[in-house]
Amino acid sequence: MRGSFAGEVRKVIAGTLGEISISEIADRLGIALPKTRKRLHTTIRDLLRAGEIERRGEGVYAWKEKARKTERREVMWRLLRARVFVTVEDLQEMAGVSREYAEEWIRMLVKKEIVRKTGKAYRLVSDPVEMPENTEKAGQLRDLRKRMAEAAALLRKAVQTLEGPDR
C-alpha cells in the first residue's frame, strides 16, 4: 500500500543528499501527466510553507534537517495560516499526524473560535499569529492523573481487605 502523495514526495526529497530538481522528483515518482505535475507543484509549495524543505534555486529544493524536529502542531498551524481553508486530510497529510490528532487539534481551534467549519473544510476566522495552546488537554491530563491516584488508593485498600488483618 502506498502512503500519501505528500508522504511520497517527502521520502524522495528527504532521501536525496543535497539538492533535487522538481523534474527529478517527478521522474522518481513516475509523474508525467500535467494534472499530477500540478499536484506535485502544490505539494512542493505546501512543504516550503511548512518549513520542511527549502528552495535552492529555480525549481531546485533540499530537505531541511531541522524540519524533522518541527513540532507537528506547528506544521499544522503554519499550513492553516498559509491556506486559510484546510481539511483534516490536509493536516494529516502535510503534518504526518493521525486523523484523530488532527481532528482533536481542529476541535480545540473551533472551541477557541479561531476556525469555523465550512462544509468539509475549516476556515481560519481569527488569526492570533501565535499558535494557540491546548489548555483543555492539560486540564484533562490533570483530571486523569487525579482519577488514577484515586483508583490506586482504592486498589490498595481492596488488597489490604483481601489480605486480612493478619498481614
N, C-alpha and C. Protein backbone atom coordinates (compact mmCIF):
# COMPACT_ATOMS: atom_id res chain seq x y z
N MET A 1 0.84 -1.18 0.00
CA MET A 1 0.00 0.00 0.00
C MET A 1 0.89 1.25 0.00
N ARG A 2 0.60 2.17 -0.88
CA ARG A 2 1.35 3.42 -0.96
C ARG A 2 0.88 4.38 0.11
N GLY A 3 1.79 5.26 0.54
CA GLY A 3 1.44 6.29 1.51
C GLY A 3 0.76 7.46 0.81
N SER A 4 0.61 8.55 1.51
CA SER A 4 0.01 9.74 0.93
C SER A 4 0.93 10.33 -0.12
N PHE A 5 0.36 11.13 -1.00
CA PHE A 5 1.15 11.75 -2.05
C PHE A 5 2.24 12.64 -1.45
N ALA A 6 1.86 13.46 -0.47
CA ALA A 6 2.84 14.33 0.19
C ALA A 6 3.92 13.49 0.87
N GLY A 7 3.52 12.37 1.44
CA GLY A 7 4.48 11.48 2.09
C GLY A 7 5.48 10.92 1.09
N GLU A 8 4.99 10.56 -0.09
CA GLU A 8 5.89 10.05 -1.14
C GLU A 8 6.87 11.14 -1.59
N VAL A 9 6.37 12.37 -1.73
CA VAL A 9 7.24 13.49 -2.13
C VAL A 9 8.29 13.73 -1.04
N ARG A 10 7.84 13.70 0.21
CA ARG A 10 8.76 13.87 1.35
C ARG A 10 9.89 12.84 1.29
N LYS A 11 9.52 11.56 1.06
CA LYS A 11 10.53 10.49 1.03
C LYS A 11 11.58 10.73 -0.04
N VAL A 12 11.11 11.16 -1.21
CA VAL A 12 12.04 11.40 -2.32
C VAL A 12 13.01 12.53 -1.97
N ILE A 13 12.48 13.64 -1.45
CA ILE A 13 13.33 14.78 -1.14
C ILE A 13 14.25 14.47 0.04
N ALA A 14 13.70 13.89 1.10
CA ALA A 14 14.50 13.59 2.29
C ALA A 14 15.55 12.52 2.01
N GLY A 15 15.26 11.64 1.07
CA GLY A 15 16.20 10.57 0.74
C GLY A 15 17.30 11.00 -0.20
N THR A 16 17.27 12.24 -0.62
CA THR A 16 18.28 12.76 -1.53
C THR A 16 19.31 13.54 -0.74
N LEU A 17 20.56 13.23 -0.94
CA LEU A 17 21.62 14.01 -0.30
C LEU A 17 21.82 15.26 -1.13
N GLY A 18 21.62 16.38 -0.53
CA GLY A 18 21.80 17.64 -1.25
C GLY A 18 20.53 18.09 -1.93
N GLU A 19 20.69 18.59 -3.15
CA GLU A 19 19.59 19.23 -3.86
C GLU A 19 18.93 18.28 -4.86
N ILE A 20 17.67 18.58 -5.17
CA ILE A 20 16.94 17.81 -6.17
C ILE A 20 16.00 18.75 -6.91
N SER A 21 15.92 18.55 -8.21
CA SER A 21 15.05 19.41 -9.02
C SER A 21 13.64 18.82 -9.04
N ILE A 22 12.69 19.67 -9.37
CA ILE A 22 11.30 19.22 -9.41
C ILE A 22 11.10 18.18 -10.51
N SER A 23 11.88 18.28 -11.60
CA SER A 23 11.74 17.27 -12.66
C SER A 23 12.30 15.92 -12.20
N GLU A 24 13.35 15.94 -11.37
CA GLU A 24 13.89 14.68 -10.83
C GLU A 24 12.88 14.04 -9.86
N ILE A 25 12.22 14.89 -9.08
CA ILE A 25 11.19 14.38 -8.16
C ILE A 25 10.08 13.72 -8.96
N ALA A 26 9.65 14.40 -10.01
CA ALA A 26 8.58 13.86 -10.87
C ALA A 26 9.01 12.54 -11.50
N ASP A 27 10.25 12.46 -11.97
CA ASP A 27 10.76 11.22 -12.58
C ASP A 27 10.76 10.07 -11.57
N ARG A 28 11.26 10.33 -10.36
CA ARG A 28 11.33 9.28 -9.35
C ARG A 28 9.94 8.81 -8.90
N LEU A 29 8.97 9.70 -8.99
CA LEU A 29 7.60 9.32 -8.62
C LEU A 29 6.79 8.80 -9.82
N GLY A 30 7.40 8.84 -11.00
CA GLY A 30 6.72 8.36 -12.20
C GLY A 30 5.59 9.28 -12.64
N ILE A 31 5.79 10.57 -12.48
CA ILE A 31 4.75 11.55 -12.82
C ILE A 31 5.04 12.12 -14.21
N ALA A 32 4.04 11.98 -15.08
CA ALA A 32 4.20 12.52 -16.43
C ALA A 32 3.02 13.41 -16.81
N LEU A 33 1.85 13.12 -16.27
CA LEU A 33 0.65 13.86 -16.64
C LEU A 33 0.64 15.27 -16.06
N PRO A 34 0.19 16.25 -16.85
CA PRO A 34 0.15 17.63 -16.37
C PRO A 34 -0.67 17.82 -15.09
N LYS A 35 -1.77 17.08 -14.95
CA LYS A 35 -2.60 17.20 -13.75
C LYS A 35 -1.83 16.79 -12.50
N THR A 36 -1.10 15.70 -12.61
CA THR A 36 -0.32 15.21 -11.48
C THR A 36 0.86 16.14 -11.21
N ARG A 37 1.43 16.71 -12.27
CA ARG A 37 2.53 17.66 -12.09
C ARG A 37 2.04 18.89 -11.31
N LYS A 38 0.81 19.32 -11.56
CA LYS A 38 0.22 20.45 -10.82
C LYS A 38 0.11 20.08 -9.35
N ARG A 39 -0.31 18.84 -9.08
CA ARG A 39 -0.42 18.37 -7.71
C ARG A 39 0.96 18.36 -7.04
N LEU A 40 1.98 17.99 -7.79
CA LEU A 40 3.35 17.99 -7.27
C LEU A 40 3.78 19.41 -6.91
N HIS A 41 3.50 20.36 -7.79
CA HIS A 41 3.86 21.76 -7.53
C HIS A 41 3.14 22.28 -6.28
N THR A 42 1.89 21.92 -6.12
CA THR A 42 1.12 22.34 -4.94
C THR A 42 1.71 21.73 -3.67
N THR A 43 2.07 20.46 -3.73
CA THR A 43 2.66 19.79 -2.58
C THR A 43 4.01 20.40 -2.23
N ILE A 44 4.82 20.71 -3.23
CA ILE A 44 6.12 21.36 -3.01
C ILE A 44 5.89 22.71 -2.34
N ARG A 45 4.92 23.47 -2.82
CA ARG A 45 4.61 24.77 -2.22
C ARG A 45 4.23 24.61 -0.75
N ASP A 46 3.39 23.61 -0.46
CA ASP A 46 2.96 23.38 0.92
C ASP A 46 4.13 22.96 1.82
N LEU A 47 5.04 22.13 1.29
CA LEU A 47 6.21 21.71 2.07
C LEU A 47 7.14 22.89 2.33
N LEU A 48 7.23 23.80 1.37
CA LEU A 48 8.02 25.03 1.56
C LEU A 48 7.41 25.87 2.67
N ARG A 49 6.09 26.06 2.60
CA ARG A 49 5.39 26.87 3.60
C ARG A 49 5.46 26.25 4.99
N ALA A 50 5.45 24.93 5.03
CA ALA A 50 5.53 24.24 6.32
C ALA A 50 6.95 24.23 6.87
N GLY A 51 7.91 24.68 6.07
CA GLY A 51 9.29 24.74 6.53
C GLY A 51 10.02 23.42 6.48
N GLU A 52 9.49 22.44 5.74
CA GLU A 52 10.13 21.13 5.67
C GLU A 52 11.24 21.08 4.62
N ILE A 53 11.11 21.89 3.58
CA ILE A 53 12.12 21.94 2.53
C ILE A 53 12.49 23.40 2.30
N GLU A 54 13.58 23.59 1.56
CA GLU A 54 13.97 24.95 1.22
C GLU A 54 14.29 25.03 -0.26
N ARG A 55 14.06 26.20 -0.82
CA ARG A 55 14.35 26.43 -2.24
C ARG A 55 15.83 26.75 -2.37
N ARG A 56 16.50 26.07 -3.30
CA ARG A 56 17.94 26.30 -3.51
C ARG A 56 18.21 26.96 -4.85
N GLY A 57 17.17 27.19 -5.60
CA GLY A 57 17.30 27.79 -6.92
C GLY A 57 15.99 27.60 -7.65
N GLU A 58 15.93 28.00 -8.89
CA GLU A 58 14.70 27.86 -9.67
C GLU A 58 14.39 26.38 -9.89
N GLY A 59 13.33 25.90 -9.24
CA GLY A 59 12.91 24.50 -9.39
C GLY A 59 13.81 23.50 -8.68
N VAL A 60 14.66 23.98 -7.76
CA VAL A 60 15.59 23.10 -7.05
C VAL A 60 15.32 23.23 -5.55
N TYR A 61 15.22 22.07 -4.88
CA TYR A 61 14.84 22.05 -3.47
C TYR A 61 15.76 21.13 -2.68
N ALA A 62 15.75 21.33 -1.35
CA ALA A 62 16.54 20.46 -0.47
C ALA A 62 15.77 20.28 0.83
N TRP A 63 15.95 19.14 1.46
CA TRP A 63 15.32 18.83 2.74
C TRP A 63 16.00 19.64 3.83
N LYS A 64 15.22 20.20 4.74
CA LYS A 64 15.77 20.93 5.88
C LYS A 64 15.85 19.97 7.06
N GLU A 65 17.05 19.66 7.48
CA GLU A 65 17.25 18.70 8.58
C GLU A 65 16.49 19.10 9.84
N LYS A 66 16.48 20.38 10.17
CA LYS A 66 15.80 20.79 11.39
C LYS A 66 14.30 20.62 11.28
N ALA A 67 13.79 20.45 10.07
CA ALA A 67 12.35 20.28 9.89
C ALA A 67 11.85 19.02 10.57
N ARG A 68 12.70 18.03 10.68
CA ARG A 68 12.29 16.77 11.32
C ARG A 68 11.91 17.00 12.77
N LYS A 69 12.50 18.03 13.38
CA LYS A 69 12.25 18.31 14.78
C LYS A 69 11.07 19.27 14.97
N THR A 70 10.55 19.83 13.89
CA THR A 70 9.44 20.77 13.99
C THR A 70 8.25 20.05 14.60
N GLU A 71 7.68 20.68 15.58
CA GLU A 71 6.53 20.10 16.25
C GLU A 71 5.37 19.99 15.26
N ARG A 72 4.67 18.89 15.31
CA ARG A 72 3.59 18.65 14.35
C ARG A 72 2.51 19.71 14.42
N ARG A 73 2.20 20.20 15.64
CA ARG A 73 1.19 21.25 15.77
C ARG A 73 1.64 22.51 15.05
N GLU A 74 2.93 22.80 15.10
CA GLU A 74 3.47 23.98 14.43
C GLU A 74 3.31 23.84 12.91
N VAL A 75 3.53 22.65 12.40
CA VAL A 75 3.36 22.41 10.96
C VAL A 75 1.89 22.63 10.58
N MET A 76 0.97 22.09 11.39
CA MET A 76 -0.47 22.27 11.11
C MET A 76 -0.84 23.75 11.19
N TRP A 77 -0.30 24.45 12.19
CA TRP A 77 -0.62 25.88 12.36
C TRP A 77 -0.13 26.69 11.17
N ARG A 78 1.09 26.43 10.70
CA ARG A 78 1.62 27.15 9.53
C ARG A 78 0.78 26.87 8.29
N LEU A 79 0.38 25.62 8.12
CA LEU A 79 -0.43 25.25 6.97
C LEU A 79 -1.78 25.96 7.01
N LEU A 80 -2.41 25.97 8.16
CA LEU A 80 -3.70 26.65 8.31
C LEU A 80 -3.57 28.14 8.00
N ARG A 81 -2.54 28.78 8.54
CA ARG A 81 -2.35 30.21 8.30
C ARG A 81 -2.03 30.50 6.84
N ALA A 82 -1.29 29.61 6.18
CA ALA A 82 -0.92 29.82 4.79
C ALA A 82 -2.10 29.62 3.85
N ARG A 83 -2.91 28.61 4.12
CA ARG A 83 -4.00 28.26 3.21
C ARG A 83 -5.34 28.93 3.57
N VAL A 84 -5.56 29.22 4.83
CA VAL A 84 -6.81 29.77 5.39
C VAL A 84 -7.91 28.72 5.44
N PHE A 85 -8.07 27.94 4.38
CA PHE A 85 -9.02 26.82 4.36
C PHE A 85 -8.24 25.51 4.36
N VAL A 86 -8.55 24.60 5.31
CA VAL A 86 -7.89 23.29 5.34
C VAL A 86 -8.92 22.22 5.69
N THR A 87 -8.59 21.00 5.31
CA THR A 87 -9.40 19.85 5.73
C THR A 87 -8.56 19.04 6.71
N VAL A 88 -9.21 18.15 7.41
CA VAL A 88 -8.48 17.26 8.33
C VAL A 88 -7.47 16.45 7.53
N GLU A 89 -7.85 16.04 6.33
CA GLU A 89 -6.95 15.26 5.48
C GLU A 89 -5.71 16.06 5.11
N ASP A 90 -5.86 17.37 4.84
CA ASP A 90 -4.70 18.22 4.54
C ASP A 90 -3.73 18.20 5.72
N LEU A 91 -4.27 18.39 6.91
CA LEU A 91 -3.44 18.42 8.12
C LEU A 91 -2.73 17.09 8.32
N GLN A 92 -3.48 16.01 8.11
CA GLN A 92 -2.92 14.67 8.25
C GLN A 92 -1.75 14.47 7.31
N GLU A 93 -1.99 14.80 6.06
CA GLU A 93 -1.01 14.54 5.02
C GLU A 93 0.23 15.42 5.17
N MET A 94 0.03 16.71 5.41
CA MET A 94 1.16 17.63 5.43
C MET A 94 1.95 17.58 6.74
N ALA A 95 1.27 17.30 7.86
CA ALA A 95 1.98 17.28 9.14
C ALA A 95 2.39 15.87 9.55
N GLY A 96 1.89 14.87 8.84
CA GLY A 96 2.23 13.49 9.18
C GLY A 96 1.66 13.05 10.51
N VAL A 97 0.44 13.49 10.81
CA VAL A 97 -0.21 13.13 12.07
C VAL A 97 -1.39 12.21 11.80
N SER A 98 -1.89 11.58 12.85
CA SER A 98 -3.05 10.70 12.69
C SER A 98 -4.31 11.54 12.51
N ARG A 99 -5.33 10.92 11.96
CA ARG A 99 -6.61 11.60 11.77
C ARG A 99 -7.16 12.08 13.11
N GLU A 100 -7.06 11.23 14.14
CA GLU A 100 -7.58 11.58 15.47
C GLU A 100 -6.87 12.81 16.03
N TYR A 101 -5.56 12.88 15.86
CA TYR A 101 -4.79 14.01 16.37
C TYR A 101 -5.20 15.30 15.65
N ALA A 102 -5.30 15.24 14.32
CA ALA A 102 -5.70 16.42 13.54
C ALA A 102 -7.11 16.87 13.93
N GLU A 103 -8.02 15.92 14.11
CA GLU A 103 -9.40 16.27 14.50
C GLU A 103 -9.43 16.91 15.88
N GLU A 104 -8.66 16.36 16.81
CA GLU A 104 -8.61 16.92 18.17
C GLU A 104 -8.08 18.35 18.14
N TRP A 105 -7.04 18.57 17.36
CA TRP A 105 -6.43 19.90 17.26
C TRP A 105 -7.42 20.90 16.65
N ILE A 106 -8.10 20.48 15.59
CA ILE A 106 -9.10 21.35 14.95
C ILE A 106 -10.25 21.66 15.91
N ARG A 107 -10.72 20.64 16.67
CA ARG A 107 -11.80 20.87 17.65
C ARG A 107 -11.40 21.94 18.67
N MET A 108 -10.15 21.90 19.09
CA MET A 108 -9.66 22.89 20.04
C MET A 108 -9.73 24.29 19.42
N LEU A 109 -9.35 24.42 18.15
CA LEU A 109 -9.40 25.71 17.47
C LEU A 109 -10.83 26.19 17.26
N VAL A 110 -11.75 25.25 17.01
CA VAL A 110 -13.16 25.61 16.86
C VAL A 110 -13.68 26.16 18.19
N LYS A 111 -13.36 25.49 19.30
CA LYS A 111 -13.80 25.95 20.63
C LYS A 111 -13.26 27.33 20.95
N LYS A 112 -12.05 27.61 20.51
CA LYS A 112 -11.43 28.92 20.77
C LYS A 112 -11.87 29.96 19.74
N GLU A 113 -12.76 29.55 18.81
CA GLU A 113 -13.30 30.42 17.76
C GLU A 113 -12.21 31.00 16.85
N ILE A 114 -11.21 30.18 16.59
CA ILE A 114 -10.13 30.56 15.68
C ILE A 114 -10.45 30.05 14.28
N VAL A 115 -11.12 28.90 14.20
CA VAL A 115 -11.58 28.36 12.91
C VAL A 115 -13.07 28.08 12.99
N ARG A 116 -13.68 28.01 11.83
CA ARG A 116 -15.10 27.68 11.71
C ARG A 116 -15.24 26.64 10.61
N LYS A 117 -16.10 25.66 10.86
CA LYS A 117 -16.33 24.61 9.86
C LYS A 117 -17.18 25.16 8.73
N THR A 118 -16.72 24.93 7.51
CA THR A 118 -17.47 25.34 6.32
C THR A 118 -17.51 24.14 5.38
N GLY A 119 -18.59 23.38 5.46
CA GLY A 119 -18.68 22.16 4.66
C GLY A 119 -17.72 21.13 5.20
N LYS A 120 -16.83 20.63 4.34
CA LYS A 120 -15.85 19.62 4.76
C LYS A 120 -14.56 20.26 5.29
N ALA A 121 -14.38 21.55 4.97
CA ALA A 121 -13.14 22.24 5.34
C ALA A 121 -13.35 23.11 6.59
N TYR A 122 -12.25 23.62 7.08
CA TYR A 122 -12.26 24.54 8.20
C TYR A 122 -11.60 25.83 7.75
N ARG A 123 -12.20 26.95 8.12
CA ARG A 123 -11.73 28.26 7.68
C ARG A 123 -11.17 29.03 8.87
N LEU A 124 -9.99 29.61 8.68
CA LEU A 124 -9.38 30.46 9.69
C LEU A 124 -10.17 31.76 9.76
N VAL A 125 -10.78 32.06 10.91
CA VAL A 125 -11.59 33.28 11.04
C VAL A 125 -10.96 34.31 11.96
N SER A 126 -10.00 33.88 12.78
CA SER A 126 -9.31 34.78 13.70
C SER A 126 -7.87 34.32 13.78
N ASP A 127 -6.94 35.19 13.43
CA ASP A 127 -5.53 34.80 13.42
C ASP A 127 -4.78 35.49 14.55
N PRO A 128 -4.56 34.77 15.66
CA PRO A 128 -3.83 35.36 16.77
C PRO A 128 -2.31 35.40 16.54
N VAL A 129 -1.85 35.04 15.37
CA VAL A 129 -0.46 34.96 14.95
C VAL A 129 0.29 33.84 15.70
N GLU A 130 0.33 33.92 17.02
CA GLU A 130 0.96 32.86 17.81
C GLU A 130 0.06 31.64 17.85
N MET A 131 0.66 30.46 17.76
CA MET A 131 -0.13 29.23 17.80
C MET A 131 -0.79 29.09 19.17
N PRO A 132 -2.11 28.88 19.20
CA PRO A 132 -2.80 28.72 20.48
C PRO A 132 -2.42 27.40 21.16
N GLU A 133 -2.33 27.44 22.47
CA GLU A 133 -2.02 26.24 23.24
C GLU A 133 -3.31 25.52 23.60
N ASN A 134 -3.24 24.21 23.70
CA ASN A 134 -4.40 23.42 24.07
C ASN A 134 -4.45 23.30 25.59
N THR A 135 -4.98 24.32 26.25
CA THR A 135 -5.05 24.33 27.71
C THR A 135 -6.04 23.29 28.22
N GLU A 136 -7.02 22.96 27.40
CA GLU A 136 -8.01 21.95 27.78
C GLU A 136 -7.35 20.59 27.96
N LYS A 137 -6.39 20.28 27.11
CA LYS A 137 -5.68 19.00 27.17
C LYS A 137 -4.92 18.88 28.50
N ALA A 138 -4.30 19.96 28.95
CA ALA A 138 -3.58 19.94 30.22
C ALA A 138 -4.55 19.66 31.37
N GLY A 139 -5.73 20.27 31.32
CA GLY A 139 -6.75 20.03 32.34
C GLY A 139 -7.22 18.59 32.34
N GLN A 140 -7.39 18.04 31.15
CA GLN A 140 -7.81 16.64 31.03
C GLN A 140 -6.76 15.71 31.63
N LEU A 141 -5.49 16.01 31.38
CA LEU A 141 -4.41 15.18 31.93
C LEU A 141 -4.36 15.27 33.46
N ARG A 142 -4.58 16.47 34.00
CA ARG A 142 -4.62 16.62 35.47
C ARG A 142 -5.76 15.79 36.05
N ASP A 143 -6.94 15.87 35.43
CA ASP A 143 -8.09 15.10 35.90
C ASP A 143 -7.81 13.60 35.82
N LEU A 144 -7.20 13.17 34.73
CA LEU A 144 -6.88 11.75 34.56
C LEU A 144 -5.91 11.27 35.65
N ARG A 145 -4.87 12.07 35.92
CA ARG A 145 -3.92 11.70 36.97
C ARG A 145 -4.60 11.60 38.33
N LYS A 146 -5.51 12.52 38.61
CA LYS A 146 -6.24 12.51 39.88
C LYS A 146 -7.09 11.25 40.00
N ARG A 147 -7.82 10.91 38.92
CA ARG A 147 -8.65 9.70 38.94
C ARG A 147 -7.79 8.45 39.08
N MET A 148 -6.62 8.43 38.44
CA MET A 148 -5.73 7.27 38.55
C MET A 148 -5.20 7.13 39.98
N ALA A 149 -4.87 8.24 40.62
CA ALA A 149 -4.40 8.20 42.01
C ALA A 149 -5.51 7.68 42.93
N GLU A 150 -6.75 8.13 42.69
CA GLU A 150 -7.89 7.66 43.49
C GLU A 150 -8.11 6.16 43.28
N ALA A 151 -8.01 5.71 42.04
CA ALA A 151 -8.19 4.29 41.73
C ALA A 151 -7.09 3.45 42.39
N ALA A 152 -5.87 3.96 42.38
CA ALA A 152 -4.76 3.24 43.01
C ALA A 152 -4.98 3.12 44.52
N ALA A 153 -5.49 4.19 45.13
CA ALA A 153 -5.77 4.16 46.57
C ALA A 153 -6.85 3.13 46.88
N LEU A 154 -7.90 3.09 46.05
CA LEU A 154 -8.98 2.11 46.23
C LEU A 154 -8.45 0.69 46.06
N LEU A 155 -7.58 0.50 45.09
CA LEU A 155 -6.99 -0.82 44.84
C LEU A 155 -6.13 -1.27 46.03
N ARG A 156 -5.32 -0.36 46.56
CA ARG A 156 -4.52 -0.70 47.76
C ARG A 156 -5.42 -1.09 48.92
N LYS A 157 -6.52 -0.36 49.10
CA LYS A 157 -7.46 -0.65 50.19
C LYS A 157 -8.10 -2.03 49.99
N ALA A 158 -8.46 -2.34 48.73
CA ALA A 158 -9.07 -3.64 48.44
C ALA A 158 -8.08 -4.77 48.70
N VAL A 159 -6.83 -4.58 48.31
CA VAL A 159 -5.80 -5.60 48.54
C VAL A 159 -5.61 -5.82 50.04
N GLN A 160 -5.59 -4.75 50.81
CA GLN A 160 -5.44 -4.87 52.26
C GLN A 160 -6.63 -5.63 52.88
N THR A 161 -7.81 -5.37 52.37
CA THR A 161 -9.01 -6.04 52.85
C THR A 161 -8.95 -7.53 52.53
N LEU A 162 -8.53 -7.88 51.33
CA LEU A 162 -8.43 -9.29 50.92
C LEU A 162 -7.35 -10.03 51.69
N GLU A 163 -6.27 -9.35 52.00
CA GLU A 163 -5.19 -10.00 52.74
C GLU A 163 -5.58 -10.25 54.19
N GLY A 164 -6.50 -9.50 54.70
CA GLY A 164 -6.99 -9.69 56.07
C GLY A 164 -6.14 -8.97 57.09
N PRO A 165 -6.60 -8.98 58.34
CA PRO A 165 -5.91 -8.23 59.41
C PRO A 165 -4.63 -8.90 59.87
N ASP A 166 -4.40 -10.17 59.52
CA ASP A 166 -3.19 -10.88 59.98
C ASP A 166 -1.92 -10.33 59.36
N ARG A 167 -1.99 -9.79 58.19
CA ARG A 167 -0.79 -9.36 57.47
C ARG A 167 -0.50 -7.95 57.71
